[in-house]
Protein backbone atom coordinates (compact mmCIF):
# COMPACT_ATOMS: atom_id res chain seq x y z
CA MET A 1 23.05 9.80 72.51
CA ARG A 2 26.47 11.19 73.26
CA CYS A 3 28.02 8.54 70.88
CA LEU A 4 25.50 9.62 68.13
CA LEU A 5 26.38 13.28 68.62
CA ALA A 6 30.14 12.47 68.44
CA ILE A 7 29.46 10.57 65.21
CA LEU A 8 27.58 13.45 63.79
CA ALA A 9 30.34 15.97 64.73
CA ALA A 10 32.97 13.72 63.12
CA VAL A 11 30.87 13.54 59.89
CA VAL A 12 30.45 17.26 59.89
CA MET A 13 34.20 17.71 60.39
CA VAL A 14 35.03 15.25 57.64
CA THR A 15 32.61 17.01 55.29
CA MET A 16 34.17 20.41 56.12
CA VAL A 17 37.76 19.18 55.53
CA THR A 18 36.72 17.44 52.34
CA ALA A 19 35.10 20.56 51.02
CA VAL A 20 38.18 22.56 51.98
CA GLN A 21 40.42 20.06 50.32
CA ALA A 22 38.24 20.05 47.23
CA GLU A 23 38.24 23.77 47.12
CA ASP A 24 42.07 23.95 47.62
CA LYS A 25 42.60 21.46 44.88
CA ASP A 26 40.41 23.56 42.54
CA ASP A 27 42.50 26.63 43.38
CA ILE A 28 45.72 24.81 42.63
CA LEU A 29 44.22 23.41 39.42
CA GLN A 30 43.21 26.85 38.45
CA GLN A 31 46.69 28.13 39.01
CA ARG A 32 48.18 25.34 36.96
CA LYS A 33 45.87 26.18 34.15
CA GLU A 34 47.06 29.76 34.53
CA LEU A 35 50.57 28.57 34.20
CA GLU A 36 49.59 26.67 30.97
CA LYS A 37 47.99 29.82 29.59
CA ILE A 38 51.11 31.81 30.36
CA GLN A 39 53.32 29.13 28.60
CA LYS A 40 50.83 29.28 25.63
CA GLU A 41 51.26 33.05 25.59
CA VAL A 42 55.05 32.62 25.44
CA GLU A 43 54.68 30.38 22.39
CA GLN A 44 52.41 33.00 20.82
CA GLY A 45 54.96 35.67 21.63
CA GLN A 46 57.75 33.57 19.86
CA GLN A 47 55.48 33.41 16.76
CA ARG A 48 54.99 37.12 16.88
CA LEU A 49 58.73 37.58 17.20
CA ASP A 50 59.37 35.35 14.18
CA SER A 51 56.70 37.15 12.18
CA LEU A 52 58.11 40.57 13.08
CA LYS A 53 61.60 39.37 12.21
CA ASN A 54 60.28 38.30 8.64
CA VAL A 55 58.60 41.60 8.27
CA GLU A 56 61.75 43.42 9.24
CA VAL A 57 63.85 41.45 6.80
CA SER A 58 61.33 42.30 4.04
CA VAL A 59 61.50 46.06 5.00
CA GLN A 60 65.32 45.96 5.11
CA LYS A 61 65.22 44.41 1.57
CA ARG A 62 63.09 47.25 0.40
CA VAL A 63 65.35 49.81 2.05
CA SER A 64 68.38 48.13 0.34
CA GLU A 65 66.53 48.25 -2.99
CA PHE A 66 65.78 52.05 -2.56
CA ASP A 67 69.54 52.53 -1.71
CA GLN A 68 70.57 50.75 -4.84
CA LYS A 69 68.06 52.90 -7.01
CA ILE A 70 69.36 56.10 -5.28
CA THR A 71 72.96 55.21 -5.89
CA THR A 72 72.27 54.35 -9.52
CA ASN A 73 70.36 57.63 -10.08
CA GLN A 74 73.22 59.59 -8.36
CA LYS A 75 75.71 57.97 -10.64
CA VAL A 76 73.56 58.95 -13.63
CA ILE A 77 73.20 62.49 -12.31
CA GLY A 78 76.92 62.68 -11.93
CA ARG A 79 77.41 61.55 -15.42
CA LEU A 80 74.86 64.10 -16.70
CA ASN A 81 76.56 66.75 -14.68
CA ARG A 82 79.94 65.90 -16.43
CA GLU A 83 78.18 65.87 -19.78
CA MET A 84 76.53 69.22 -18.97
CA GLN A 85 79.95 70.66 -18.23
CA LYS A 86 81.43 69.34 -21.46
CA ILE A 87 78.50 70.70 -23.39
CA LYS A 88 78.91 74.07 -21.68
CA GLY A 89 82.56 74.05 -22.76
CA ASP A 90 81.63 73.03 -26.28
CA ILE A 91 78.95 75.82 -26.40
CA THR A 92 81.55 78.40 -25.35
CA SER A 93 84.07 77.13 -27.95
CA ALA A 94 81.24 77.12 -30.62
CA GLU A 95 80.27 80.64 -29.61
CA GLU A 96 83.95 81.77 -29.88
CA ARG A 97 84.18 80.22 -33.40
CA LEU A 98 80.92 81.76 -34.42
CA GLY A 99 82.27 85.25 -33.40
CA GLU A 100 85.56 84.57 -35.26
CA ASN A 101 83.72 83.34 -38.37
CA ARG A 102 81.49 86.48 -38.27
CA GLU A 103 84.40 88.80 -38.05
CA GLY A 104 86.25 86.77 -40.76
CA LEU A 105 83.29 86.98 -43.05
CA ASP A 106 82.77 90.75 -42.33
CA ARG A 107 86.54 91.32 -43.34
CA LEU A 108 86.19 89.16 -46.49
CA ARG A 109 83.04 91.08 -47.49
CA ARG A 110 84.64 94.48 -47.01
CA ARG A 111 87.75 93.37 -48.96
CA TYR A 112 85.51 91.88 -51.68
CA LEU A 113 83.40 95.01 -52.02
CA GLY A 114 86.69 97.11 -52.04
CA ASN A 115 87.92 95.03 -55.06
CA ILE A 116 84.59 95.42 -56.73
CA ARG A 117 84.79 99.16 -56.33
CA GLN A 118 88.32 99.27 -57.73
CA PHE A 119 87.14 97.20 -60.68
CA TYR A 120 84.35 99.63 -61.30
CA PHE A 121 86.47 102.63 -61.20
CA ALA A 122 89.03 100.98 -63.39
CA THR A 123 86.54 100.22 -66.13
CA GLN A 124 85.19 103.81 -66.17
CA ARG A 125 88.28 105.30 -68.11
CA THR A 126 87.42 107.37 -71.23
CA ASP A 127 88.66 106.52 -74.70
CA SER A 128 90.55 109.83 -74.90
CA SER A 129 92.93 108.56 -72.24
CA PHE A 130 93.85 105.63 -74.37
CA ALA A 131 94.77 108.00 -77.26
CA ASP A 132 97.10 110.05 -75.11
CA ALA A 133 98.74 106.92 -73.71
CA PRO A 134 98.71 104.00 -76.12
CA ASN A 135 99.75 101.54 -73.54
CA ALA A 136 97.11 102.52 -71.08
CA GLU A 137 94.49 100.29 -72.73
CA LEU A 138 96.86 97.29 -72.37
CA GLU A 139 97.53 98.14 -68.71
CA LEU A 140 93.82 98.58 -68.04
CA ASN A 141 93.09 95.18 -69.51
CA ARG A 142 95.66 93.56 -67.39
CA LYS A 143 94.25 95.23 -64.26
CA VAL A 144 90.72 94.25 -65.14
CA ILE A 145 91.91 90.58 -65.64
CA TYR A 146 93.76 90.81 -62.17
CA LEU A 147 90.74 92.40 -60.39
CA THR A 148 88.42 89.80 -61.90
CA ALA A 149 90.60 87.08 -60.68
CA VAL A 150 90.88 88.69 -57.28
CA ALA A 151 87.27 89.22 -57.05
CA GLY A 152 86.51 85.59 -57.97
CA PHE A 153 89.00 84.44 -55.28
CA GLU A 154 87.47 86.75 -52.66
CA SER A 155 84.03 85.66 -53.65
CA GLY A 156 85.10 82.02 -52.98
CA ASN A 157 86.43 83.07 -49.60
CA VAL A 158 83.22 84.81 -48.73
CA GLU A 159 81.23 81.79 -49.69
CA GLN A 160 83.53 79.40 -47.67
CA ALA A 161 83.35 81.82 -44.70
CA THR A 162 79.55 81.95 -45.07
CA ASN A 163 79.42 78.15 -44.99
CA LEU A 164 81.65 78.01 -41.84
CA LEU A 165 79.35 80.57 -40.24
CA GLY A 166 76.33 78.45 -40.96
CA GLN A 167 78.06 75.30 -39.68
CA SER A 168 78.96 77.07 -36.47
CA GLN A 169 75.39 78.19 -36.00
CA GLU A 170 74.01 74.77 -36.67
CA GLN A 171 76.57 73.29 -34.19
CA LEU A 172 75.55 75.83 -31.57
CA THR A 173 71.91 75.09 -32.14
CA ASP A 174 72.56 71.33 -31.81
CA LEU A 175 74.58 71.88 -28.58
CA GLY A 176 71.69 74.04 -27.20
CA GLY A 177 69.29 71.21 -27.98
CA ARG A 178 71.52 68.63 -26.37
CA ARG A 179 71.96 70.81 -23.28
CA SER A 180 68.16 71.15 -23.00
CA GLU A 181 67.63 67.38 -23.45
CA VAL A 182 70.43 66.65 -20.72
CA ARG A 183 68.83 69.11 -18.31
CA LYS A 184 65.40 67.53 -18.73
CA LEU A 185 66.90 64.03 -18.11
CA LYS A 186 68.89 65.34 -15.13
CA LYS A 187 65.75 66.95 -13.66
CA LYS A 188 63.88 63.66 -14.18
CA LYS A 189 66.58 61.71 -12.33
CA GLU A 190 66.81 64.30 -9.60
CA THR A 191 62.98 64.04 -9.07
CA SER A 192 63.17 60.21 -9.09
CA THR A 193 66.03 60.29 -6.63
CA SER A 194 63.94 62.60 -4.29
CA LEU A 195 61.02 60.24 -4.57
CA GLU A 196 63.18 57.18 -3.80
CA LYS A 197 64.74 59.04 -0.79
CA SER A 198 61.29 59.84 0.52
CA LYS A 199 60.20 56.23 0.18
CA LYS A 200 63.44 55.08 1.84
CA ARG A 201 62.75 57.42 4.76
CA GLN A 202 59.31 55.99 5.12
CA GLN A 203 60.60 52.41 5.05
CA GLU A 204 63.32 53.31 7.59
CA LYS A 205 60.65 54.67 9.90
CA ALA A 206 58.68 51.59 9.46
CA LEU A 207 61.79 49.53 10.19
CA GLU A 208 62.55 51.50 13.27
CA LYS A 209 58.90 50.81 14.46
CA LEU A 210 59.30 47.18 13.75
CA ARG A 211 62.51 46.99 15.73
CA ARG A 212 60.88 48.74 18.64
CA GLN A 213 57.93 46.35 18.46
CA ARG A 214 60.28 43.38 18.27
CA MET A 215 62.20 44.70 21.31
CA ASP A 216 58.91 45.18 23.20
CA GLU A 217 57.69 41.75 22.14
CA SER A 218 60.99 40.25 23.31
CA GLU A 219 60.80 42.08 26.65
CA ARG A 220 57.08 40.92 26.97
CA MET A 221 58.21 37.31 26.37
CA MET A 222 60.82 37.62 29.08
CA THR A 223 58.26 39.01 31.36
CA LEU A 224 55.92 36.16 30.60
CA GLN A 225 58.63 33.62 31.27
CA GLN A 226 59.46 35.22 34.50
CA ALA A 227 55.81 35.32 35.32
CA ALA A 228 55.59 31.68 34.55
CA ARG A 229 58.36 30.98 37.06
CA GLU A 230 56.60 33.27 39.60
CA MET A 231 53.35 31.39 39.07
CA GLU A 232 55.22 28.05 39.75
CA ASP A 233 56.31 29.50 43.04
CA ILE A 234 52.72 30.76 43.78
CA ILE A 235 51.45 27.17 42.94
CA ALA A 236 53.96 25.70 45.45
CA ARG A 237 53.00 28.21 48.16
CA LEU A 238 49.28 27.51 47.60
CA GLU A 239 49.98 23.81 47.78
CA LYS A 240 51.70 24.41 51.07
CA ALA A 241 48.90 26.63 52.29
CA ARG A 242 46.39 24.01 51.24
CA LEU A 243 48.11 21.34 53.25
CA GLU A 244 48.23 23.63 56.31
CA ARG A 245 44.55 24.50 55.96
CA GLN A 246 43.81 20.84 55.56
CA ARG A 247 45.62 20.11 58.80
CA ALA A 248 43.89 22.98 60.58
CA GLY A 249 40.43 22.20 59.20
CA GLN A 250 39.85 25.86 57.94
CA GLN A 251 36.92 26.56 55.79
CA GLN A 252 36.59 29.43 53.15
CA GLY A 253 33.61 31.73 53.19
CA PRO A 254 31.73 33.71 50.63
CA SER A 255 33.71 36.53 48.84
CA VAL A 256 32.85 40.08 49.73
CA PHE A 257 34.74 41.32 46.62
CA ALA A 258 32.31 39.67 44.36
CA SER A 259 29.61 42.13 45.56
CA LEU A 260 31.63 45.12 44.50
CA ARG A 261 31.23 44.55 40.75
CA GLY A 262 30.69 48.04 39.08
CA GLN A 263 31.51 49.88 42.24
CA LEU A 264 35.41 49.76 42.40
CA PRO A 265 37.55 52.90 42.06
CA SER A 266 40.09 53.18 39.42
CA PRO A 267 43.51 52.14 40.61
CA PHE A 268 45.01 55.02 38.72
CA ARG A 269 43.68 58.23 37.23
CA GLY A 270 44.21 58.41 33.39
CA LYS A 271 43.09 57.17 30.08
CA ILE A 272 42.84 53.51 28.97
CA ILE A 273 45.16 53.06 25.99
CA VAL A 274 45.07 49.17 25.96
CA PRO A 275 41.69 47.57 26.44
CA PHE A 276 41.03 44.10 27.81
CA GLY A 277 40.60 41.27 25.41
CA ASN A 278 41.63 40.19 21.98
CA SER A 279 43.35 42.39 19.44
CA THR A 280 45.05 42.15 16.07
CA ASP A 281 48.41 43.68 15.24
CA PRO A 282 47.99 45.92 12.22
CA ILE A 283 51.50 44.95 10.77
CA THR A 284 51.98 41.20 11.75
CA LYS A 285 48.24 40.44 11.64
CA LEU A 286 48.77 38.14 14.63
CA LYS A 287 46.10 38.11 17.26
CA SER A 288 46.95 38.59 20.95
CA PHE A 289 45.11 38.68 24.22
CA SER A 290 45.37 41.45 26.83
CA PRO A 291 44.52 39.99 30.28
CA GLY A 292 43.88 43.43 31.63
CA ILE A 293 43.99 47.18 30.77
CA THR A 294 46.82 49.68 30.47
CA ILE A 295 46.21 53.17 31.86
CA LYS A 296 48.19 56.25 30.77
CA GLY A 297 48.35 58.94 33.29
CA ARG A 298 50.71 61.55 34.85
CA ALA A 299 54.14 60.27 36.02
CA GLY A 300 54.51 60.02 39.82
CA ARG A 301 50.76 59.91 40.32
CA GLU A 302 49.37 57.79 43.25
CA VAL A 303 48.35 54.23 42.62
CA ILE A 304 45.70 52.76 45.03
CA ALA A 305 44.17 49.34 45.85
CA VAL A 306 40.72 48.96 44.27
CA ALA A 307 39.39 47.02 47.32
CA SER A 308 40.54 45.63 50.74
CA GLY A 309 43.03 42.74 50.70
CA SER A 310 46.32 41.35 51.66
CA VAL A 311 49.52 41.99 49.59
CA ALA A 312 50.32 38.54 48.22
CA TYR A 313 53.32 39.58 46.07
CA VAL A 314 55.73 42.42 45.55
CA GLY A 315 58.50 42.27 42.94
CA ASN A 316 59.89 43.48 39.76
CA LEU A 317 59.11 42.17 36.26
CA ARG A 318 61.35 43.18 33.33
CA GLY A 319 59.22 45.31 31.04
CA TYR A 320 56.54 45.91 33.70
CA GLY A 321 58.60 47.56 36.45
CA ASN A 322 57.47 47.14 40.05
CA PHE A 323 54.60 44.61 40.35
CA VAL A 324 52.12 44.05 43.17
CA ILE A 325 49.50 41.44 43.61
CA ILE A 326 46.67 41.80 46.11
CA ASN A 327 44.61 38.82 47.47
CA HIS A 328 40.90 39.51 47.95
CA ASP A 329 39.11 36.81 50.05
CA ASN A 330 41.45 34.11 48.66
CA GLN A 331 39.27 34.08 45.51
CA TYR A 332 39.89 37.29 43.68
CA TYR A 333 43.37 39.01 42.80
CA THR A 334 44.20 42.30 41.44
CA THR A 335 47.64 43.02 39.86
CA TYR A 336 49.31 46.50 39.51
CA ALA A 337 52.36 46.58 37.14
CA GLY A 338 54.65 49.38 36.01
CA MET A 339 54.87 51.28 39.28
CA GLY A 340 57.85 53.48 39.97
CA GLU A 341 57.64 53.51 43.71
CA VAL A 342 56.05 50.80 45.85
CA SER A 343 55.04 51.63 49.41
CA VAL A 344 53.77 48.20 50.59
CA THR A 345 55.23 44.89 51.52
CA GLU A 346 54.14 41.31 51.23
CA GLY A 347 51.55 40.20 53.95
CA GLN A 348 50.43 43.80 54.49
CA TYR A 349 46.66 44.20 54.79
CA LEU A 350 45.27 47.25 52.98
CA LEU A 351 41.90 48.92 53.10
CA SER A 352 40.08 49.96 49.98
CA GLN A 353 41.86 52.88 48.15
CA GLY A 354 44.97 52.25 50.25
CA ARG A 355 48.15 53.65 48.74
CA LEU A 356 50.27 51.17 46.88
CA GLY A 357 52.81 53.55 45.53
CA THR A 358 53.15 55.86 42.46
CA SER A 359 53.41 55.53 38.71
CA GLY A 360 56.68 55.35 36.89
CA PRO A 361 58.30 57.92 34.64
CA ASP A 362 56.22 56.86 31.61
CA GLY A 363 52.97 57.20 33.48
CA LEU A 364 51.74 53.66 32.41
CA ILE A 365 49.98 51.34 34.82
CA LYS A 366 49.00 47.79 33.71
CA PHE A 367 45.97 46.62 35.80
CA GLU A 368 44.47 43.06 35.87
CA LEU A 369 41.67 41.53 37.72
CA ARG A 370 41.22 37.77 38.15
CA GLU A 371 38.83 35.24 39.61
CA GLY A 372 41.16 32.33 40.35
CA ARG A 373 42.83 31.68 36.88
CA GLN A 374 40.13 33.48 34.98
CA SER A 375 40.97 36.99 33.68
CA LEU A 376 38.02 39.45 34.07
CA ASP A 377 37.45 42.76 32.21
CA PRO A 378 38.30 45.42 34.80
CA VAL A 379 36.13 47.99 33.05
CA LYS A 380 33.01 46.04 34.08
CA TRP A 381 34.12 46.24 37.70
CA ILE A 382 35.34 49.84 37.89
CA ARG A 383 33.29 52.92 38.10
CA ILE A 384 33.87 54.72 34.67
CA ASP A 385 33.77 58.19 36.40
CA SER A 386 36.72 57.23 38.56
CA PHE A 387 39.27 57.12 35.66
């Protein structure tokens, strides 16, 4: 009977150790799958970086094209300004010539009229005067011939001066029309330049946004790569712990954390700005997956543990700031990234709503919840009224 009991005890012990070993192997397998997932995210991040770089090159090309158009328009505007100055000078000269021609025409007209008046008075002599002075008629004829010649000459001068005046007026009218045409062309080019500058500013803003996105994506990739290295260390530690539990014959019980679904408090009071799950970048059109949520709140606000557990990891990840992982029943894990101050240490056990630290200057906390390797939507676990 004692032998039978011993055999039964041995069988139970072997069964328990086998179950523990199988469970540990599953846990390690899950962590390895998590590592593969991180590596895949790194590859996707590289694709996003390449896409952002291509878009950035395209935007830079458009900015350069706008620069060329603006430079060309400015050269045309400069040429039109010089032409306007020349036309202005020509108009001034034409106005001066017009004034001179008017004055000359007035002088010629007065002189012509004076000669006509003299001719008129000279021809009004009476016949009695000719009888008193026999040579007077001859003298009068000579004077009439002279005045007729002078009048004809002055008439030609008046006609020539009138023609010059008409030419000056026509030239002035042409210059005025040319000035109006150049002004319209200049205004059109200035409007076009203003439009091109506005488009250029828009493209420069888009370029700056792309550069920030590329920088953010680059930092995210570096974070993922560091996370992959951290995950490798975690796998190594889990393997070590598995071997120790195997030797000690420990058995893992049911998870208390699983019963808290929908009842957890928010780790940080604020507004969710990045939801859990798949999303598509509006510019690159590439899809990405967020394994958690990002909460925007006040800088320096308290960050708390959503449930009881032990601090499995405390560190700093580039782009995420201070980073804390809490182990809940060796089955569920919660992560808190972006903290400015951390007030816990690895191995420390925390009760629910225990203080982890405070948010950083940007007031952003990235929170993830996992069951083994599987990412879970934190919103389904946290009370909505606690945000």
